[in-house]
Amino acid sequence: MRDRIRWGILSTAKIVESAFIPSLRQARRGELAAVASRDGARAQKFAGEHGIPRRFDSYDDMLASDAIDAVYIPLPNSMHAEWTEKAAAQGKHVFCEKPLGVSAAEARRMVDTCREAGVLLFEAFVFLYHPKSLRLRQVLGEGAIGDLVQMTASFTFPLERPTDNIRMNRELGGGNLMDVGCYPIAYARFVFDEEPVAVQAACRTDRDYGVDTRSSMILTFSGDRHAALQSGFDAPGGQRATIHGETGYIAVPQPCHPNEKDGFVVCRGEREEAVVVEAGVRPFAPAIEHFHECLLDGVEPIATAANAVGTLRVIEAVRESSETGRRVDLG
């Protein structure tokens, strides 16, 4: 049995250079074996800059190669399903950027396709596998702030217009919900550890680009517990979350992109306790390492790609609620 996973990268997107490659190189049992771009010169240049042994000027050719075991897909949202399914057909395991698909039905089909092909599929919500998140779940489970009551979370940043940024491209699956809004939605589902039963929301749609650029959402969970979430391209703020229990609250900076040394603050009355988590690696590294453990050691995934279906169901409900002005029940 192979003792290392050989990775191929489908595209030379910025996130490959800024996040994936540095994290992969901190993982113990993975190696970067190949990169593919539809621009042969770009693939050659990128491979040379990053010391990648093989480069391809065709995505299909790389997926057909025996030189790789798994593929990282950072393509535009509208292309995730096509290339995940093509990778699965070639027996390649898949680590795909979020959101997994452009609809819940598409994500469900991707999950089914990979399961039938016998390949592992991860969605790159890397916080799900990070020591900071796992420690937070432990603290919540120990009742540090009593029973959960409600939470707030946001992810916003200013995006200048006019722009050719793919985040504003409707045809490529753009919009704030698919880029940043999916983060607080996924995080709320992680914190409550269940699916919401209803959604009420309002979104702003940019008339020039035809995509949502600002969203305010209330997710209702069992027991009349709520998550108030904001996301958008229209204001600064970054990402943050506050989790309220009956006896205290937890303030979480950078909930979805943890740092190498990070943590959160547990507040009970006048007492504040800083919980420090030293991962010692970049945000993607624990997720990649867990991917390797699942493949090489037969470990059960902490979170499966089926989790993506729940996030996309909520996004669809947010859009419906915004368009109709009504609460949408999810059952």
C-alpha atoms as a PDB file:
ATOM      1  CA  MET A   1       0.000   0.000   0.000  1.00  0.00           C
ATOM      2  CA  ARG A   2       1.220   3.496  -0.842  1.00  0.00           C
ATOM      3  CA  ASP A   3       2.456   5.422   2.201  1.00  0.00           C
ATOM      4  CA  ARG A   4       2.112   8.907   0.657  1.00  0.00           C
ATOM      5  CA  ILE A   5      -0.595  10.636  -1.378  1.00  0.00           C
ATOM      6  CA  ARG A   6       0.521  12.189  -4.656  1.00  0.00           C
ATOM      7  CA  TRP A   7      -1.433  15.369  -5.377  1.00  0.00           C
ATOM      8  CA  GLY A   8      -2.348  17.050  -8.630  1.00  0.00           C
ATOM      9  CA  ILE A   9      -3.731  20.585  -8.764  1.00  0.00           C
ATOM     10  CA  LEU A  10      -6.408  21.501 -11.286  1.00  0.00           C
ATOM     11  CA  SER A  11      -5.624  25.175 -12.081  1.00  0.00           C
ATOM     12  CA  THR A  12      -3.133  27.810 -10.933  1.00  0.00           C
ATOM     13  CA  ALA A  13      -5.670  29.936  -9.021  1.00  0.00           C
ATOM     14  CA  LYS A  14      -4.339  32.309  -6.352  1.00  0.00           C
ATOM     15  CA  ILE A  15      -5.570  30.129  -3.487  1.00  0.00           C
ATOM     16  CA  VAL A  16      -3.284  27.335  -4.709  1.00  0.00           C
ATOM     17  CA  GLU A  17      -0.216  29.484  -4.094  1.00  0.00           C
ATOM     18  CA  SER A  18      -1.413  31.311  -0.982  1.00  0.00           C
ATOM     19  CA  ALA A  19      -3.095  28.468   0.920  1.00  0.00           C
ATOM     20  CA  PHE A  20      -2.971  24.965  -0.526  1.00  0.00           C
ATOM     21  CA  ILE A  21       0.699  24.493  -1.448  1.00  0.00           C
ATOM     22  CA  PRO A  22       2.142  25.908   1.817  1.00  0.00           C
ATOM     23  CA  SER A  23      -0.281  23.730   3.803  1.00  0.00           C
ATOM     24  CA  LEU A  24       0.392  20.577   1.796  1.00  0.00           C
ATOM     25  CA  ARG A  25       4.104  21.024   2.437  1.00  0.00           C
ATOM     26  CA  GLN A  26       3.413  21.018   6.180  1.00  0.00           C
ATOM     27  CA  ALA A  27       1.524  17.731   5.936  1.00  0.00           C
ATOM     28  CA  ARG A  28       3.548  14.588   6.652  1.00  0.00           C
ATOM     29  CA  ARG A  29       2.220  12.180   4.043  1.00  0.00           C
ATOM     30  CA  GLY A  30       1.490  14.160   0.920  1.00  0.00           C
ATOM     31  CA  GLU A  31       3.559  15.337  -2.017  1.00  0.00           C
ATOM     32  CA  LEU A  32       2.799  17.768  -4.814  1.00  0.00           C
ATOM     33  CA  ALA A  33       3.245  15.744  -7.990  1.00  0.00           C
ATOM     34  CA  ALA A  34       1.566  17.698 -10.795  1.00  0.00           C
ATOM     35  CA  VAL A  35      -0.270  20.845 -11.861  1.00  0.00           C
ATOM     36  CA  ALA A  36      -2.578  21.401 -14.830  1.00  0.00           C
ATOM     37  CA  SER A  37      -3.637  24.555 -16.624  1.00  0.00           C
ATOM     38  CA  ARG A  38      -5.381  25.087 -19.932  1.00  0.00           C
ATOM     39  CA  ASP A  39      -2.549  27.510 -20.663  1.00  0.00           C
ATOM     40  CA  GLY A  40       0.542  25.360 -21.179  1.00  0.00           C
ATOM     41  CA  ALA A  41       2.957  28.252 -20.640  1.00  0.00           C
ATOM     42  CA  ARG A  42       1.259  29.136 -17.362  1.00  0.00           C
ATOM     43  CA  ALA A  43       1.450  25.529 -16.183  1.00  0.00           C
ATOM     44  CA  GLN A  44       5.144  25.374 -17.041  1.00  0.00           C
ATOM     45  CA  LYS A  45       5.892  28.658 -15.272  1.00  0.00           C
ATOM     46  CA  PHE A  46       3.882  27.683 -12.191  1.00  0.00           C
ATOM     47  CA  ALA A  47       5.523  24.257 -11.978  1.00  0.00           C
ATOM     48  CA  GLY A  48       8.968  25.837 -12.220  1.00  0.00           C
ATOM     49  CA  GLU A  49       8.241  28.422  -9.521  1.00  0.00           C
ATOM     50  CA  HIS A  50       6.958  25.803  -7.068  1.00  0.00           C
ATOM     51  CA  GLY A  51       9.182  22.838  -7.845  1.00  0.00           C
ATOM     52  CA  ILE A  52       6.337  20.673  -9.141  1.00  0.00           C
ATOM     53  CA  PRO A  53       7.704  17.625 -11.030  1.00  0.00           C
ATOM     54  CA  ARG A  54       5.032  17.375 -13.729  1.00  0.00           C
ATOM     55  CA  ARG A  55       2.809  19.843 -15.523  1.00  0.00           C
ATOM     56  CA  PHE A  56      -0.073  19.328 -17.940  1.00  0.00           C
ATOM     57  CA  ASP A  57      -1.760  21.692 -20.386  1.00  0.00           C
ATOM     58  CA  SER A  58      -4.984  19.672 -20.149  1.00  0.00           C
ATOM     59  CA  TYR A  59      -7.088  18.893 -17.080  1.00  0.00           C
ATOM     60  CA  ASP A  60      -8.186  15.598 -18.643  1.00  0.00           C
ATOM     61  CA  ASP A  61      -4.596  14.498 -19.271  1.00  0.00           C
ATOM     62  CA  MET A  62      -3.625  15.069 -15.642  1.00  0.00           C
ATOM     63  CA  LEU A  63      -6.663  13.186 -14.352  1.00  0.00           C
ATOM     64  CA  ALA A  64      -5.777  10.249 -16.609  1.00  0.00           C
ATOM     65  CA  SER A  65      -2.189  10.176 -15.363  1.00  0.00           C
ATOM     66  CA  ASP A  66      -0.899   7.443 -13.058  1.00  0.00           C
ATOM     67  CA  ALA A  67       1.337  10.070 -11.445  1.00  0.00           C
ATOM     68  CA  ILE A  68      -1.375  11.323  -9.044  1.00  0.00           C
ATOM     69  CA  ASP A  69      -3.704   9.792  -6.460  1.00  0.00           C
ATOM     70  CA  ALA A  70      -5.748  12.858  -5.467  1.00  0.00           C
ATOM     71  CA  VAL A  71      -6.669  16.207  -6.930  1.00  0.00           C
ATOM     72  CA  TYR A  72      -7.304  19.652  -5.468  1.00  0.00           C
ATOM     73  CA  ILE A  73     -10.007  21.574  -7.384  1.00  0.00           C
ATOM     74  CA  PRO A  74      -9.981  25.381  -6.880  1.00  0.00           C
ATOM     75  CA  LEU A  75     -11.876  26.160 -10.096  1.00  0.00           C
ATOM     76  CA  PRO A  76     -14.858  28.564 -10.268  1.00  0.00           C
ATOM     77  CA  ASN A  77     -17.961  27.267  -8.483  1.00  0.00           C
ATOM     78  CA  SER A  78     -19.774  26.468 -11.723  1.00  0.00           C
ATOM     79  CA  MET A  79     -16.998  24.006 -12.706  1.00  0.00           C
ATOM     80  CA  HIS A  80     -16.751  22.010  -9.470  1.00  0.00           C
ATOM     81  CA  ALA A  81     -19.270  19.312 -10.397  1.00  0.00           C
ATOM     82  CA  GLU A  82     -17.901  18.638 -13.886  1.00  0.00           C
ATOM     83  CA  TRP A  83     -14.317  18.154 -12.766  1.00  0.00           C
ATOM     84  CA  THR A  84     -15.114  16.332  -9.540  1.00  0.00           C
ATOM     85  CA  GLU A  85     -17.093  13.780 -11.526  1.00  0.00           C
ATOM     86  CA  LYS A  86     -14.354  13.484 -14.149  1.00  0.00           C
ATOM     87  CA  ALA A  87     -11.773  12.952 -11.415  1.00  0.00           C
ATOM     88  CA  ALA A  88     -13.935  10.268  -9.803  1.00  0.00           C
ATOM     89  CA  ALA A  89     -14.274   8.508 -13.153  1.00  0.00           C
ATOM     90  CA  GLN A  90     -10.463   8.279 -13.272  1.00  0.00           C
ATOM     91  CA  GLY A  91     -10.300   6.904  -9.721  1.00  0.00           C
ATOM     92  CA  LYS A  92      -8.847  10.093  -8.250  1.00  0.00           C
ATOM     93  CA  HIS A  93      -9.754  11.255  -4.751  1.00  0.00           C
ATOM     94  CA  VAL A  94     -11.047  14.834  -4.597  1.00  0.00           C
ATOM     95  CA  PHE A  95     -10.447  17.827  -2.304  1.00  0.00           C
ATOM     96  CA  CYS A  96     -12.773  20.447  -3.792  1.00  0.00           C
ATOM     97  CA  GLU A  97     -13.127  24.114  -2.919  1.00  0.00           C
ATOM     98  CA  LYS A  98     -16.290  25.340  -1.297  1.00  0.00           C
ATOM     99  CA  PRO A  99     -19.129  25.484  -1.985  1.00  0.00           C
ATOM    100  CA  LEU A 100     -19.100  21.973  -3.383  1.00  0.00           C
ATOM    101  CA  GLY A 101     -21.697  22.698  -6.073  1.00  0.00           C
ATOM    102  CA  VAL A 102     -24.013  25.449  -7.220  1.00  0.00           C
ATOM    103  CA  SER A 103     -27.126  23.726  -5.826  1.00  0.00           C
ATOM    104  CA  ALA A 104     -28.008  21.140  -3.213  1.00  0.00           C
ATOM    105  CA  ALA A 105     -29.072  18.709  -5.939  1.00  0.00           C
ATOM    106  CA  GLU A 106     -25.748  19.107  -7.744  1.00  0.00           C
ATOM    107  CA  ALA A 107     -23.770  18.571  -4.531  1.00  0.00           C
ATOM    108  CA  ARG A 108     -25.826  15.471  -3.732  1.00  0.00           C
ATOM    109  CA  ARG A 109     -25.047  14.079  -7.175  1.00  0.00           C
ATOM    110  CA  MET A 110     -21.322  14.754  -6.680  1.00  0.00           C
ATOM    111  CA  VAL A 111     -21.372  12.931  -3.340  1.00  0.00           C
ATOM    112  CA  ASP A 112     -23.194   9.959  -4.891  1.00  0.00           C
ATOM    113  CA  THR A 113     -20.836   9.849  -7.885  1.00  0.00           C
ATOM    114  CA  CYS A 114     -17.730   9.757  -5.700  1.00  0.00           C
ATOM    115  CA  ARG A 115     -19.207   7.147  -3.370  1.00  0.00           C
ATOM    116  CA  GLU A 116     -20.101   4.907  -6.308  1.00  0.00           C
ATOM    117  CA  ALA A 117     -16.596   5.352  -7.754  1.00  0.00           C
ATOM    118  CA  GLY A 118     -15.027   4.475  -4.397  1.00  0.00           C
ATOM    119  CA  VAL A 119     -13.127   7.758  -4.067  1.00  0.00           C
ATOM    120  CA  LEU A 120     -12.919  10.130  -1.124  1.00  0.00           C
ATOM    121  CA  LEU A 121     -14.518  13.564  -1.502  1.00  0.00           C
ATOM    122  CA  PHE A 122     -13.819  16.486   0.838  1.00  0.00           C
ATOM    123  CA  GLU A 123     -15.244  19.997   0.631  1.00  0.00           C
ATOM    124  CA  ALA A 124     -12.599  22.566   1.606  1.00  0.00           C
ATOM    125  CA  PHE A 125     -14.339  24.028   4.647  1.00  0.00           C
ATOM    126  CA  VAL A 126     -11.072  23.442   6.451  1.00  0.00           C
ATOM    127  CA  PHE A 127     -12.279  24.758   9.830  1.00  0.00           C
ATOM    128  CA  LEU A 128     -14.259  21.520  10.246  1.00  0.00           C
ATOM    129  CA  TYR A 129     -11.009  19.583  10.735  1.00  0.00           C
ATOM    130  CA  HIS A 130      -8.995  22.201  12.617  1.00  0.00           C
ATOM    131  CA  PRO A 131      -7.874  21.746  16.269  1.00  0.00           C
ATOM    132  CA  LYS A 132      -9.428  25.114  17.166  1.00  0.00           C
ATOM    133  CA  SER A 133     -12.882  23.990  16.026  1.00  0.00           C
ATOM    134  CA  LEU A 134     -12.525  20.568  17.644  1.00  0.00           C
ATOM    135  CA  ARG A 135     -11.524  22.218  20.932  1.00  0.00           C
ATOM    136  CA  LEU A 136     -14.506  24.595  20.681  1.00  0.00           C
ATOM    137  CA  ARG A 137     -16.853  21.668  20.210  1.00  0.00           C
ATOM    138  CA  GLN A 138     -15.321  19.994  23.275  1.00  0.00           C
ATOM    139  CA  VAL A 139     -15.798  23.135  25.375  1.00  0.00           C
ATOM    140  CA  LEU A 140     -19.408  23.458  24.249  1.00  0.00           C
ATOM    141  CA  GLY A 141     -20.013  19.793  24.979  1.00  0.00           C
ATOM    142  CA  GLU A 142     -18.641  20.213  28.506  1.00  0.00           C
ATOM    143  CA  GLY A 143     -21.313  22.853  29.152  1.00  0.00           C
ATOM    144  CA  ALA A 144     -18.908  25.760  29.620  1.00  0.00           C
ATOM    145  CA  ILE A 145     -21.650  28.278  28.773  1.00  0.00           C
ATOM    146  CA  GLY A 146     -24.672  26.131  29.527  1.00  0.00           C
ATOM    147  CA  ASP A 147     -27.209  25.164  26.893  1.00  0.00           C
ATOM    148  CA  LEU A 148     -26.852  27.004  23.566  1.00  0.00           C
ATOM    149  CA  VAL A 149     -29.376  29.764  23.012  1.00  0.00           C
ATOM    150  CA  GLN A 150     -28.259  31.794  19.998  1.00  0.00           C
ATOM    151  CA  MET A 151     -25.241  32.965  18.047  1.00  0.00           C
ATOM    152  CA  THR A 152     -24.082  35.635  15.640  1.00  0.00           C
ATOM    153  CA  ALA A 153     -21.529  35.259  12.864  1.00  0.00           C
ATOM    154  CA  SER A 154     -20.398  37.423   9.986  1.00  0.00           C
ATOM    155  CA  PHE A 155     -17.999  37.473   7.057  1.00  0.00           C
ATOM    156  CA  THR A 156     -17.742  40.730   5.126  1.00  0.00           C
ATOM    157  CA  PHE A 157     -15.188  42.615   3.081  1.00  0.00           C
ATOM    158  CA  PRO A 158     -15.336  45.484   0.565  1.00  0.00           C
ATOM    159  CA  LEU A 159     -15.080  44.537  -3.113  1.00  0.00           C
ATOM    160  CA  GLU A 160     -14.475  47.510  -5.399  1.00  0.00           C
ATOM    161  CA  ARG A 161     -16.518  47.927  -8.549  1.00  0.00           C
ATOM    162  CA  PRO A 162     -16.281  47.928 -11.517  1.00  0.00           C
ATOM    163  CA  THR A 163     -14.507  44.587 -11.477  1.00  0.00           C
ATOM    164  CA  ASP A 164     -13.877  41.425 -13.453  1.00  0.00           C
ATOM    165  CA  ASN A 165     -13.567  39.418 -10.216  1.00  0.00           C
ATOM    166  CA  ILE A 166     -15.230  35.997 -10.602  1.00  0.00           C
ATOM    167  CA  ARG A 167     -17.059  36.642  -7.317  1.00  0.00           C
ATOM    168  CA  MET A 168     -19.281  39.017  -9.292  1.00  0.00           C
ATOM    169  CA  ASN A 169     -19.744  36.678 -12.267  1.00  0.00           C
ATOM    170  CA  ARG A 170     -23.222  35.158 -12.287  1.00  0.00           C
ATOM    171  CA  GLU A 171     -22.342  32.551 -14.921  1.00  0.00           C
ATOM    172  CA  LEU A 172     -19.447  31.216 -12.815  1.00  0.00           C
ATOM    173  CA  GLY A 173     -21.556  30.793  -9.679  1.00  0.00           C
ATOM    174  CA  GLY A 174     -20.655  34.142  -8.137  1.00  0.00           C
ATOM    175  CA  GLY A 175     -22.344  36.182  -5.436  1.00  0.00           C
ATOM    176  CA  ASN A 176     -21.661  36.788  -1.766  1.00  0.00           C
ATOM    177  CA  LEU A 177     -23.611  33.765  -0.551  1.00  0.00           C
ATOM    178  CA  MET A 178     -21.466  31.393  -2.598  1.00  0.00           C
ATOM    179  CA  ASP A 179     -18.226  33.119  -1.611  1.00  0.00           C
ATOM    180  CA  VAL A 180     -18.453  34.363   1.984  1.00  0.00           C
ATOM    181  CA  GLY A 181     -22.054  33.752   3.086  1.00  0.00           C
ATOM    182  CA  CYS A 182     -21.558  30.002   2.989  1.00  0.00           C
ATOM    183  CA  TYR A 183     -18.990  30.346   5.815  1.00  0.00           C
ATOM    184  CA  PRO A 184     -21.259  31.638   8.621  1.00  0.00           C
ATOM    185  CA  ILE A 185     -23.977  29.258   7.421  1.00  0.00           C
ATOM    186  CA  ALA A 186     -21.635  26.270   7.649  1.00  0.00           C
ATOM    187  CA  TYR A 187     -20.260  27.527  10.964  1.00  0.00           C
ATOM    188  CA  ALA A 188     -23.715  27.881  12.534  1.00  0.00           C
ATOM    189  CA  ARG A 189     -24.574  24.335  11.488  1.00  0.00           C
ATOM    190  CA  PHE A 190     -21.274  23.189  13.013  1.00  0.00           C
ATOM    191  CA  VAL A 191     -21.898  25.022  16.317  1.00  0.00           C
ATOM    192  CA  PHE A 192     -25.461  23.759  16.786  1.00  0.00           C
ATOM    193  CA  ASP A 193     -24.461  20.362  15.366  1.00  0.00           C
ATOM    194  CA  GLU A 194     -27.751  20.033  13.516  1.00  0.00           C
ATOM    195  CA  GLU A 195     -29.642  21.394  10.540  1.00  0.00           C
ATOM    196  CA  PRO A 196     -31.801  24.530  10.855  1.00  0.00           C
ATOM    197  CA  VAL A 197     -35.544  24.084  10.641  1.00  0.00           C
ATOM    198  CA  ALA A 198     -36.298  27.486   9.073  1.00  0.00           C
ATOM    199  CA  VAL A 199     -34.686  30.502   7.400  1.00  0.00           C
ATOM    200  CA  GLN A 200     -35.679  34.155   7.168  1.00  0.00           C
ATOM    201  CA  ALA A 201     -33.446  36.405   5.051  1.00  0.00           C
ATOM    202  CA  ALA A 202     -32.937  39.563   3.030  1.00  0.00           C
ATOM    203  CA  CYS A 203     -30.363  40.020   0.269  1.00  0.00           C
ATOM    204  CA  ARG A 204     -29.216  42.905  -1.886  1.00  0.00           C
ATOM    205  CA  THR A 205     -28.728  42.083  -5.560  1.00  0.00           C
ATOM    206  CA  ASP A 206     -26.407  44.223  -7.664  1.00  0.00           C
ATOM    207  CA  ARG A 207     -28.312  45.432 -10.734  1.00  0.00           C
ATOM    208  CA  ASP A 208     -25.204  45.648 -12.896  1.00  0.00           C
ATOM    209  CA  TYR A 209     -23.813  42.203 -12.125  1.00  0.00           C
ATOM    210  CA  GLY A 210     -26.955  40.257 -11.237  1.00  0.00           C
ATOM    211  CA  VAL A 211     -25.479  38.646  -8.122  1.00  0.00           C
ATOM    212  CA  ASP A 212     -26.227  39.024  -4.409  1.00  0.00           C
ATOM    213  CA  THR A 213     -23.688  41.281  -2.698  1.00  0.00           C
ATOM    214  CA  ARG A 214     -25.128  41.523   0.824  1.00  0.00           C
ATOM    215  CA  SER A 215     -27.145  39.103   2.970  1.00  0.00           C
ATOM    216  CA  SER A 216     -28.715  39.114   6.434  1.00  0.00           C
ATOM    217  CA  MET A 217     -30.038  35.787   7.646  1.00  0.00           C
ATOM    218  CA  ILE A 218     -31.777  34.298  10.669  1.00  0.00           C
ATOM    219  CA  LEU A 219     -31.510  30.526  10.948  1.00  0.00           C
ATOM    220  CA  THR A 220     -33.888  28.870  13.406  1.00  0.00           C
ATOM    221  CA  PHE A 221     -32.731  25.643  15.045  1.00  0.00           C
ATOM    222  CA  SER A 222     -34.650  23.248  17.275  1.00  0.00           C
ATOM    223  CA  GLY A 223     -35.922  24.675  20.553  1.00  0.00           C
ATOM    224  CA  ASP A 224     -36.414  28.172  19.087  1.00  0.00           C
ATOM    225  CA  ARG A 225     -32.664  28.788  19.044  1.00  0.00           C
ATOM    226  CA  HIS A 226     -31.332  31.228  16.469  1.00  0.00           C
ATOM    227  CA  ALA A 227     -28.254  32.184  14.487  1.00  0.00           C
ATOM    228  CA  ALA A 228     -28.128  35.742  13.134  1.00  0.00           C
ATOM    229  CA  LEU A 229     -25.708  35.842  10.218  1.00  0.00           C
ATOM    230  CA  GLN A 230     -24.374  38.572   7.931  1.00  0.00           C
ATOM    231  CA  SER A 231     -22.196  38.382   4.831  1.00  0.00           C
ATOM    232  CA  GLY A 232     -21.267  40.602   1.946  1.00  0.00           C
ATOM    233  CA  PHE A 233     -18.949  42.457  -0.388  1.00  0.00           C
ATOM    234  CA  ASP A 234     -20.124  45.937   0.672  1.00  0.00           C
ATOM    235  CA  ALA A 235     -18.342  46.630   3.969  1.00  0.00           C
ATOM    236  CA  PRO A 236     -15.200  45.778   5.938  1.00  0.00           C
ATOM    237  CA  GLY A 237     -15.294  43.519   8.980  1.00  0.00           C
ATOM    238  CA  GLY A 238     -13.682  40.201   8.190  1.00  0.00           C
ATOM    239  CA  GLN A 239     -15.001  37.157  10.030  1.00  0.00           C
ATOM    240  CA  ARG A 240     -16.083  36.648  13.631  1.00  0.00           C
ATOM    241  CA  ALA A 241     -18.597  34.724  15.711  1.00  0.00           C
ATOM    242  CA  THR A 242     -20.177  34.981  19.171  1.00  0.00           C
ATOM    243  CA  ILE A 243     -21.888  31.951  20.682  1.00  0.00           C
ATOM    244  CA  HIS A 244     -24.384  32.577  23.507  1.00  0.00           C
ATOM    245  CA  GLY A 245     -25.373  30.039  26.139  1.00  0.00           C
ATOM    246  CA  GLU A 246     -27.624  30.283  29.174  1.00  0.00           C
ATOM    247  CA  THR A 247     -24.676  30.984  31.507  1.00  0.00           C
ATOM    248  CA  GLY A 248     -22.112  32.724  29.300  1.00  0.00           C
ATOM    249  CA  TYR A 249     -20.819  33.311  25.810  1.00  0.00           C
ATOM    250  CA  ILE A 250     -17.811  32.508  23.630  1.00  0.00           C
ATOM    251  CA  ALA A 251     -16.143  35.061  21.348  1.00  0.00           C
ATOM    252  CA  VAL A 252     -14.467  33.449  18.345  1.00  0.00           C
ATOM    253  CA  PRO A 253     -12.181  35.514  16.102  1.00  0.00           C
ATOM    254  CA  GLN A 254     -11.340  34.054  12.676  1.00  0.00           C
ATOM    255  CA  PRO A 255     -13.745  31.121  13.100  1.00  0.00           C
ATOM    256  CA  CYS A 256     -13.371  29.768   9.577  1.00  0.00           C
ATOM    257  CA  HIS A 257      -9.712  30.549   8.797  1.00  0.00           C
ATOM    258  CA  PRO A 258      -7.843  29.753  12.027  1.00  0.00           C
ATOM    259  CA  ASN A 259      -4.247  30.881  12.501  1.00  0.00           C
ATOM    260  CA  GLU A 260      -1.275  28.730  13.514  1.00  0.00           C
ATOM    261  CA  LYS A 261      -1.712  29.987  17.089  1.00  0.00           C
ATOM    262  CA  ASP A 262      -5.322  30.847  17.747  1.00  0.00           C
ATOM    263  CA  GLY A 263      -8.194  30.327  20.129  1.00  0.00           C
ATOM    264  CA  PHE A 264     -11.328  31.854  21.605  1.00  0.00           C
ATOM    265  CA  VAL A 265     -12.527  33.525  24.801  1.00  0.00           C
ATOM    266  CA  VAL A 266     -15.051  31.948  27.174  1.00  0.00           C
ATOM    267  CA  CYS A 267     -16.954  34.591  29.187  1.00  0.00           C
ATOM    268  CA  ARG A 268     -18.998  33.759  32.294  1.00  0.00           C
ATOM    269  CA  GLY A 269     -20.131  36.765  34.315  1.00  0.00           C
ATOM    270  CA  GLU A 270     -17.003  38.779  35.132  1.00  0.00           C
ATOM    271  CA  ARG A 271     -14.718  35.864  34.306  1.00  0.00           C
ATOM    272  CA  GLU A 272     -12.953  35.596  30.969  1.00  0.00           C
ATOM    273  CA  GLU A 273     -10.881  32.567  30.048  1.00  0.00           C
ATOM    274  CA  ALA A 274      -8.738  32.573  26.926  1.00  0.00           C
ATOM    275  CA  VAL A 275      -8.516  29.124  25.351  1.00  0.00           C
ATOM    276  CA  VAL A 276      -5.361  28.975  23.250  1.00  0.00           C
ATOM    277  CA  VAL A 277      -4.939  26.397  20.499  1.00  0.00           C
ATOM    278  CA  GLU A 278      -1.511  26.007  18.929  1.00  0.00           C
ATOM    279  CA  ALA A 279      -1.991  24.108  15.697  1.00  0.00           C
ATOM    280  CA  GLY A 280       1.482  25.109  14.531  1.00  0.00           C
ATOM    281  CA  VAL A 281       0.463  24.779  10.892  1.00  0.00           C
ATOM    282  CA  ARG A 282      -1.418  26.748   8.257  1.00  0.00           C
ATOM    283  CA  PRO A 283      -5.257  26.567   8.097  1.00  0.00           C
ATOM    284  CA  PHE A 284      -5.492  23.939   5.334  1.00  0.00           C
ATOM    285  CA  ALA A 285      -2.896  21.575   6.818  1.00  0.00           C
ATOM    286  CA  PRO A 286      -5.089  19.743   9.393  1.00  0.00           C
ATOM    287  CA  ALA A 287      -7.753  19.103   6.743  1.00  0.00           C
ATOM    288  CA  ILE A 288      -5.171  17.768   4.284  1.00  0.00           C
ATOM    289  CA  GLU A 289      -3.593  15.598   6.988  1.00  0.00           C
ATOM    290  CA  HIS A 290      -7.015  14.197   7.904  1.00  0.00           C
ATOM    291  CA  PHE A 291      -7.639  13.490   4.206  1.00  0.00           C
ATOM    292  CA  HIS A 292      -4.402  11.457   4.206  1.00  0.00           C
ATOM    293  CA  GLU A 293      -5.451   9.608   7.390  1.00  0.00           C
ATOM    294  CA  CYS A 294      -8.776   8.630   5.831  1.00  0.00           C
ATOM    295  CA  LEU A 295      -7.049   7.272   2.732  1.00  0.00           C
ATOM    296  CA  LEU A 296      -3.955   5.664   4.267  1.00  0.00           C
ATOM    297  CA  ASP A 297      -5.220   4.554   7.682  1.00  0.00           C
ATOM    298  CA  GLY A 298      -8.904   3.956   7.030  1.00  0.00           C
ATOM    299  CA  VAL A 299      -9.952   6.649   9.526  1.00  0.00           C
ATOM    300  CA  GLU A 300     -13.597   7.728   9.351  1.00  0.00           C
ATOM    301  CA  PRO A 301     -13.924  11.367   8.178  1.00  0.00           C
ATOM    302  CA  ILE A 302     -14.717  13.941  10.870  1.00  0.00           C
ATOM    303  CA  ALA A 303     -17.083  15.513   8.340  1.00  0.00           C
ATOM    304  CA  THR A 304     -18.128  14.061   5.004  1.00  0.00           C
ATOM    305  CA  ALA A 305     -18.779  15.957   1.793  1.00  0.00           C
ATOM    306  CA  ALA A 306     -22.493  15.302   2.371  1.00  0.00           C
ATOM    307  CA  ASN A 307     -22.241  18.236   4.805  1.00  0.00           C
ATOM    308  CA  ALA A 308     -22.093  20.460   1.712  1.00  0.00           C
ATOM    309  CA  VAL A 309     -25.656  19.549   0.782  1.00  0.00           C
ATOM    310  CA  GLY A 310     -26.944  21.098   4.016  1.00  0.00           C
ATOM    311  CA  THR A 311     -25.116  24.375   3.419  1.00  0.00           C
ATOM    312  CA  LEU A 312     -26.506  24.657  -0.099  1.00  0.00           C
ATOM    313  CA  ARG A 313     -30.041  23.855   1.080  1.00  0.00           C
ATOM    314  CA  VAL A 314     -29.783  26.835   3.420  1.00  0.00           C
ATOM    315  CA  ILE A 315     -28.407  29.096   0.650  1.00  0.00           C
ATOM    316  CA  GLU A 316     -31.358  28.151  -1.549  1.00  0.00           C
ATOM    317  CA  ALA A 317     -33.740  28.922   1.326  1.00  0.00           C
ATOM    318  CA  VAL A 318     -32.029  32.297   1.905  1.00  0.00           C
ATOM    319  CA  ARG A 319     -32.622  33.236  -1.718  1.00  0.00           C
ATOM    320  CA  GLU A 320     -36.244  32.086  -1.604  1.00  0.00           C
ATOM    321  CA  SER A 321     -36.924  33.991   1.614  1.00  0.00           C
ATOM    322  CA  SER A 322     -35.321  37.148   0.240  1.00  0.00           C
ATOM    323  CA  GLU A 323     -37.365  36.963  -2.959  1.00  0.00           C
ATOM    324  CA  THR A 324     -40.704  36.207  -1.267  1.00  0.00           C
ATOM    325  CA  GLY A 325     -40.271  38.081   2.020  1.00  0.00           C
ATOM    326  CA  ARG A 326     -41.413  34.970   3.863  1.00  0.00           C
ATOM    327  CA  ARG A 327     -39.885  32.512   6.274  1.00  0.00           C
ATOM    328  CA  VAL A 328     -38.887  29.267   4.578  1.00  0.00           C
ATOM    329  CA  ASP A 329     -39.403  26.049   6.525  1.00  0.00           C
ATOM    330  CA  LEU A 330     -36.791  23.377   5.893  1.00  0.00           C
ATOM    331  CA  GLY A 331     -38.464  20.549   7.793  1.00  0.00           C
END
